[in-house]
Amino acid sequence: MATPSRFERIFNRLLAQRRTDRRPGAAPGRRAADYQPIRGWRPALLIALAIGLLDWGTKAAIAASMPIGHFREVIDGRVAFWHVRNPAMILGLWANFPLGGRKVIAIVAAVLGVLVLLQIVGRAHRLPHNQRRWAWVFVGLVLGGMLGNLGERALHWGVTDFLSLRWGDYWLPPGNVADIALFLSVPLAIPVIVFELMGRARRGRGPVRPMHPGGAEPNAA
């Protein structure tokens, strides 16, 4: 088996992947999932790309068909297109900060967010297969929302918002597809956290699997 490079080892640690080679003083074995390649980033990335492309496409269509500030109801009294250019961060945060400061905040937040998502992908890999899907969808929604809004900010600082809903006598501030993806990811965080806590409880009770020569999962006796 080829020895992984330093970059591969760093990337694997970011994914919370445990090393499976035997070291002096190390535990005698690992869980079965530690012998399997981490593929959770694939469905998460597909979801994120789909959200990002849909977000950019709808923003481009609105920008081409409606002037900024224009308001048009598409479902009478319920849903409207309201073209707004938002120079602030999410929920209007740091709107009064200088442009350079907002760029630094956006870059730092994006880097930290990606690192957290990598950890979620790696840790969810250890969960049962039917529970991993929740984590893949959660990561895909968050990454897609980041891709949509941060991708637009990379081109011209500011985000195109256009989708507004009616709440009583008022129209809510408009959002976009990326905002919807981020909003939908919030309730999904609950089962992801619960599954991780359940997995930790199981790992604390269960015995450590013995190491099998060649890195394969040992067969049950």
Protein backbone atom coordinates (compact mmCIF):
# COMPACT_ATOMS: atom_id res chain seq x y z
CA MET A 1 0.00 0.00 0.00
CA ALA A 2 1.41 3.38 -1.01
CA THR A 3 2.28 5.76 1.79
CA PRO A 4 -0.02 8.84 1.66
CA SER A 5 1.63 12.17 1.02
CA ARG A 6 1.71 14.93 3.62
CA PHE A 7 -1.11 16.77 1.79
CA GLU A 8 -3.24 13.61 1.75
CA ARG A 9 -2.67 13.08 5.46
CA ILE A 10 -3.69 16.67 6.23
CA PHE A 11 -6.81 16.37 4.04
CA ASN A 12 -7.74 13.09 5.70
CA ARG A 13 -7.47 14.68 9.12
CA LEU A 14 -9.71 17.53 7.99
CA LEU A 15 -12.24 14.85 7.07
CA ALA A 16 -11.86 13.40 10.59
CA GLN A 17 -10.48 10.22 9.02
CA ARG A 18 -8.56 7.96 11.39
CA ARG A 19 -5.30 6.39 10.33
CA THR A 20 -5.53 2.60 9.94
CA ASP A 21 -1.84 1.70 10.01
CA ARG A 22 -0.54 0.15 13.19
CA ARG A 23 1.70 2.34 15.37
CA PRO A 24 3.54 1.53 18.59
CA GLY A 25 1.23 2.10 21.54
CA ALA A 26 -1.84 2.67 19.32
CA ALA A 27 -5.19 0.93 19.74
CA PRO A 28 -5.21 -2.61 18.30
CA GLY A 29 -7.93 -1.88 15.77
CA ARG A 30 -10.42 0.51 14.22
CA ARG A 31 -14.08 0.57 13.31
CA ALA A 32 -15.17 -1.05 10.05
CA ALA A 33 -16.00 2.37 8.55
CA ASP A 34 -12.37 3.44 8.97
CA TYR A 35 -11.36 0.89 6.34
CA GLN A 36 -13.80 2.27 3.78
CA PRO A 37 -13.09 5.29 1.54
CA ILE A 38 -14.95 8.46 2.45
CA ARG A 39 -17.34 9.18 -0.41
CA GLY A 40 -19.83 11.43 1.36
CA TRP A 41 -18.43 14.50 -0.35
CA ARG A 42 -19.75 13.25 -3.71
CA PRO A 43 -23.53 13.49 -3.06
CA ALA A 44 -22.98 16.63 -0.98
CA LEU A 45 -21.03 18.25 -3.82
CA LEU A 46 -23.69 17.31 -6.39
CA ILE A 47 -26.40 18.88 -4.23
CA ALA A 48 -24.27 22.00 -3.72
CA LEU A 49 -23.55 22.38 -7.45
CA ALA A 50 -27.24 21.99 -8.31
CA ILE A 51 -28.20 24.67 -5.77
CA GLY A 52 -25.40 26.98 -6.90
CA LEU A 53 -26.32 26.70 -10.58
CA LEU A 54 -30.03 27.21 -9.85
CA ASP A 55 -29.21 30.22 -7.67
CA TRP A 56 -26.97 31.84 -10.28
CA GLY A 57 -29.43 31.09 -13.06
CA THR A 58 -32.41 32.66 -11.29
CA LYS A 59 -30.36 35.70 -10.29
CA ALA A 60 -29.19 36.18 -13.87
CA ALA A 61 -32.77 35.89 -15.14
CA ILE A 62 -34.03 38.47 -12.63
CA ALA A 63 -31.17 40.86 -13.37
CA ALA A 64 -31.88 40.61 -17.10
CA SER A 65 -35.66 41.05 -16.86
CA MET A 66 -36.26 43.42 -13.92
CA PRO A 67 -34.61 46.72 -12.96
CA ILE A 68 -33.34 47.10 -9.40
CA GLY A 69 -36.13 48.17 -7.07
CA HIS A 70 -38.90 46.79 -9.30
CA PHE A 71 -41.68 44.87 -7.53
CA ARG A 72 -44.05 42.41 -9.22
CA GLU A 73 -46.47 39.96 -7.62
CA VAL A 74 -46.36 36.48 -9.13
CA ILE A 75 -48.91 34.89 -6.77
CA ASP A 76 -51.47 37.48 -5.77
CA GLY A 77 -51.03 38.50 -2.14
CA ARG A 78 -48.53 35.72 -1.38
CA VAL A 79 -45.35 35.70 -3.48
CA ALA A 80 -43.63 38.52 -5.33
CA PHE A 81 -40.43 39.23 -7.25
CA TRP A 82 -38.69 42.22 -5.70
CA HIS A 83 -35.31 42.96 -7.25
CA VAL A 84 -32.89 44.24 -4.60
CA ARG A 85 -29.11 44.47 -4.50
CA ASN A 86 -27.94 43.59 -0.97
CA PRO A 87 -24.42 44.84 -0.14
CA ALA A 88 -24.55 43.55 3.45
CA MET A 89 -23.90 40.10 4.86
CA ILE A 90 -26.60 37.61 5.83
CA LEU A 91 -29.58 39.21 7.62
CA GLY A 92 -28.09 42.63 6.84
CA LEU A 93 -25.19 42.18 9.26
CA TRP A 94 -22.20 44.53 9.09
CA ALA A 95 -23.89 46.72 6.49
CA ASN A 96 -22.05 49.79 7.83
CA PHE A 97 -18.62 48.15 7.76
CA PRO A 98 -16.13 49.28 5.09
CA LEU A 99 -16.05 47.10 1.99
CA GLY A 100 -12.60 45.74 2.84
CA GLY A 101 -13.75 44.68 6.29
CA ARG A 102 -16.78 42.89 4.90
CA LYS A 103 -14.59 41.02 2.42
CA VAL A 104 -12.30 39.82 5.21
CA ILE A 105 -15.30 38.67 7.27
CA ALA A 106 -16.75 36.82 4.27
CA ILE A 107 -13.45 35.05 3.49
CA VAL A 108 -12.84 34.02 7.11
CA ALA A 109 -16.44 32.82 7.49
CA ALA A 110 -16.19 30.81 4.25
CA VAL A 111 -12.94 29.11 5.28
CA LEU A 112 -14.26 28.23 8.74
CA GLY A 113 -17.51 26.99 7.22
CA VAL A 114 -15.73 24.68 4.77
CA LEU A 115 -13.55 23.25 7.56
CA VAL A 116 -16.64 22.51 9.66
CA LEU A 117 -18.39 20.87 6.69
CA LEU A 118 -15.35 18.67 6.03
CA GLN A 119 -15.48 17.50 9.64
CA ILE A 120 -19.19 16.72 9.32
CA VAL A 121 -18.58 14.65 6.17
CA GLY A 122 -15.80 12.69 7.88
CA ARG A 123 -17.69 12.05 11.09
CA ALA A 124 -20.93 11.14 9.33
CA HIS A 125 -18.97 8.47 7.44
CA ARG A 126 -18.89 6.48 10.70
CA LEU A 127 -22.68 6.49 11.06
CA PRO A 128 -25.02 3.78 9.73
CA HIS A 129 -25.81 4.18 6.03
CA ASN A 130 -29.41 5.30 6.57
CA GLN A 131 -28.20 8.11 8.86
CA ARG A 132 -25.35 9.31 6.66
CA ARG A 133 -27.77 10.67 4.06
CA TRP A 134 -29.03 13.31 6.46
CA ALA A 135 -25.50 14.64 6.83
CA TRP A 136 -24.88 14.60 3.06
CA VAL A 137 -28.06 16.61 2.42
CA PHE A 138 -27.22 19.03 5.25
CA VAL A 139 -23.69 19.62 3.93
CA GLY A 140 -24.98 19.98 0.36
CA LEU A 141 -27.56 22.60 1.35
CA VAL A 142 -25.07 24.65 3.38
CA LEU A 143 -22.32 24.40 0.77
CA GLY A 144 -24.79 25.24 -2.01
CA GLY A 145 -25.98 28.31 -0.15
CA MET A 146 -22.40 29.43 0.40
CA LEU A 147 -21.53 28.74 -3.22
CA GLY A 148 -24.47 30.76 -4.52
CA ASN A 149 -24.00 33.90 -2.44
CA LEU A 150 -20.21 33.91 -2.05
CA GLY A 151 -19.79 33.11 -5.73
CA GLU A 152 -21.78 36.21 -6.64
CA ARG A 153 -19.84 38.32 -4.15
CA ALA A 154 -16.60 37.22 -5.80
CA LEU A 155 -17.79 38.79 -9.07
CA HIS A 156 -19.31 42.00 -7.72
CA TRP A 157 -19.66 42.69 -4.03
CA GLY A 158 -23.33 42.34 -3.28
CA VAL A 159 -26.05 39.71 -3.58
CA THR A 160 -29.13 39.71 -5.79
CA ASP A 161 -32.31 39.17 -3.74
CA PHE A 162 -35.65 38.83 -5.47
CA LEU A 163 -38.05 36.40 -3.76
CA SER A 164 -40.41 38.01 -1.23
CA LEU A 165 -43.28 36.48 0.76
CA ARG A 166 -46.32 38.20 2.23
CA TRP A 167 -46.60 38.19 6.05
CA GLY A 168 -49.83 39.79 7.21
CA ASP A 169 -49.91 43.33 5.85
CA TYR A 170 -46.20 43.37 5.00
CA TRP A 171 -43.90 41.94 2.36
CA LEU A 172 -40.83 40.31 3.88
CA PRO A 173 -37.36 41.41 2.74
CA PRO A 174 -36.50 39.43 -0.39
CA GLY A 175 -34.12 36.49 -0.52
CA ASN A 176 -32.84 34.05 -3.13
CA VAL A 177 -32.36 30.33 -3.78
CA ALA A 178 -29.13 30.23 -1.77
CA ASP A 179 -30.93 31.76 1.21
CA ILE A 180 -33.66 29.13 0.95
CA ALA A 181 -31.05 26.34 0.95
CA LEU A 182 -29.39 27.77 4.06
CA PHE A 183 -32.79 28.15 5.75
CA LEU A 184 -33.72 24.52 4.99
CA SER A 185 -30.39 23.31 6.39
CA VAL A 186 -31.17 24.65 9.88
CA PRO A 187 -33.74 21.99 10.91
CA LEU A 188 -31.58 19.29 9.29
CA ALA A 189 -28.79 20.13 11.73
CA ILE A 190 -30.88 18.64 14.56
CA PRO A 191 -30.91 14.99 13.35
CA VAL A 192 -27.26 15.28 12.26
CA ILE A 193 -26.24 16.33 15.79
CA VAL A 194 -28.48 13.67 17.38
CA PHE A 195 -27.02 10.91 15.17
CA GLU A 196 -23.48 12.01 16.03
CA LEU A 197 -24.23 11.91 19.77
CA MET A 198 -25.86 8.49 19.40
CA GLY A 199 -22.83 7.25 17.47
CA ARG A 200 -20.46 8.47 20.15
CA ALA A 201 -22.52 6.71 22.80
CA ARG A 202 -22.38 3.45 20.81
CA ARG A 203 -18.63 3.75 20.26
CA GLY A 204 -18.12 4.32 23.97
CA ARG A 205 -19.91 1.06 24.81
CA GLY A 206 -18.75 -1.16 21.95
CA PRO A 207 -15.44 -3.04 21.74
CA VAL A 208 -12.71 -1.98 19.34
CA ARG A 209 -12.54 -4.13 16.20
CA PRO A 210 -9.26 -6.02 15.81
CA MET A 211 -6.91 -4.97 13.05
CA HIS A 212 -6.88 -7.34 10.08
CA PRO A 213 -3.71 -7.70 7.99
CA GLY A 214 -4.02 -5.76 4.76
CA GLY A 215 -6.55 -3.27 6.14
CA ALA A 216 -9.67 -5.35 5.36
CA GLU A 217 -12.63 -5.56 7.67
CA PRO A 218 -12.41 -8.71 9.86
CA ASN A 219 -15.06 -11.36 9.36
CA ALA A 220 -17.38 -12.28 12.18
CA ALA A 221 -16.50 -15.52 13.91
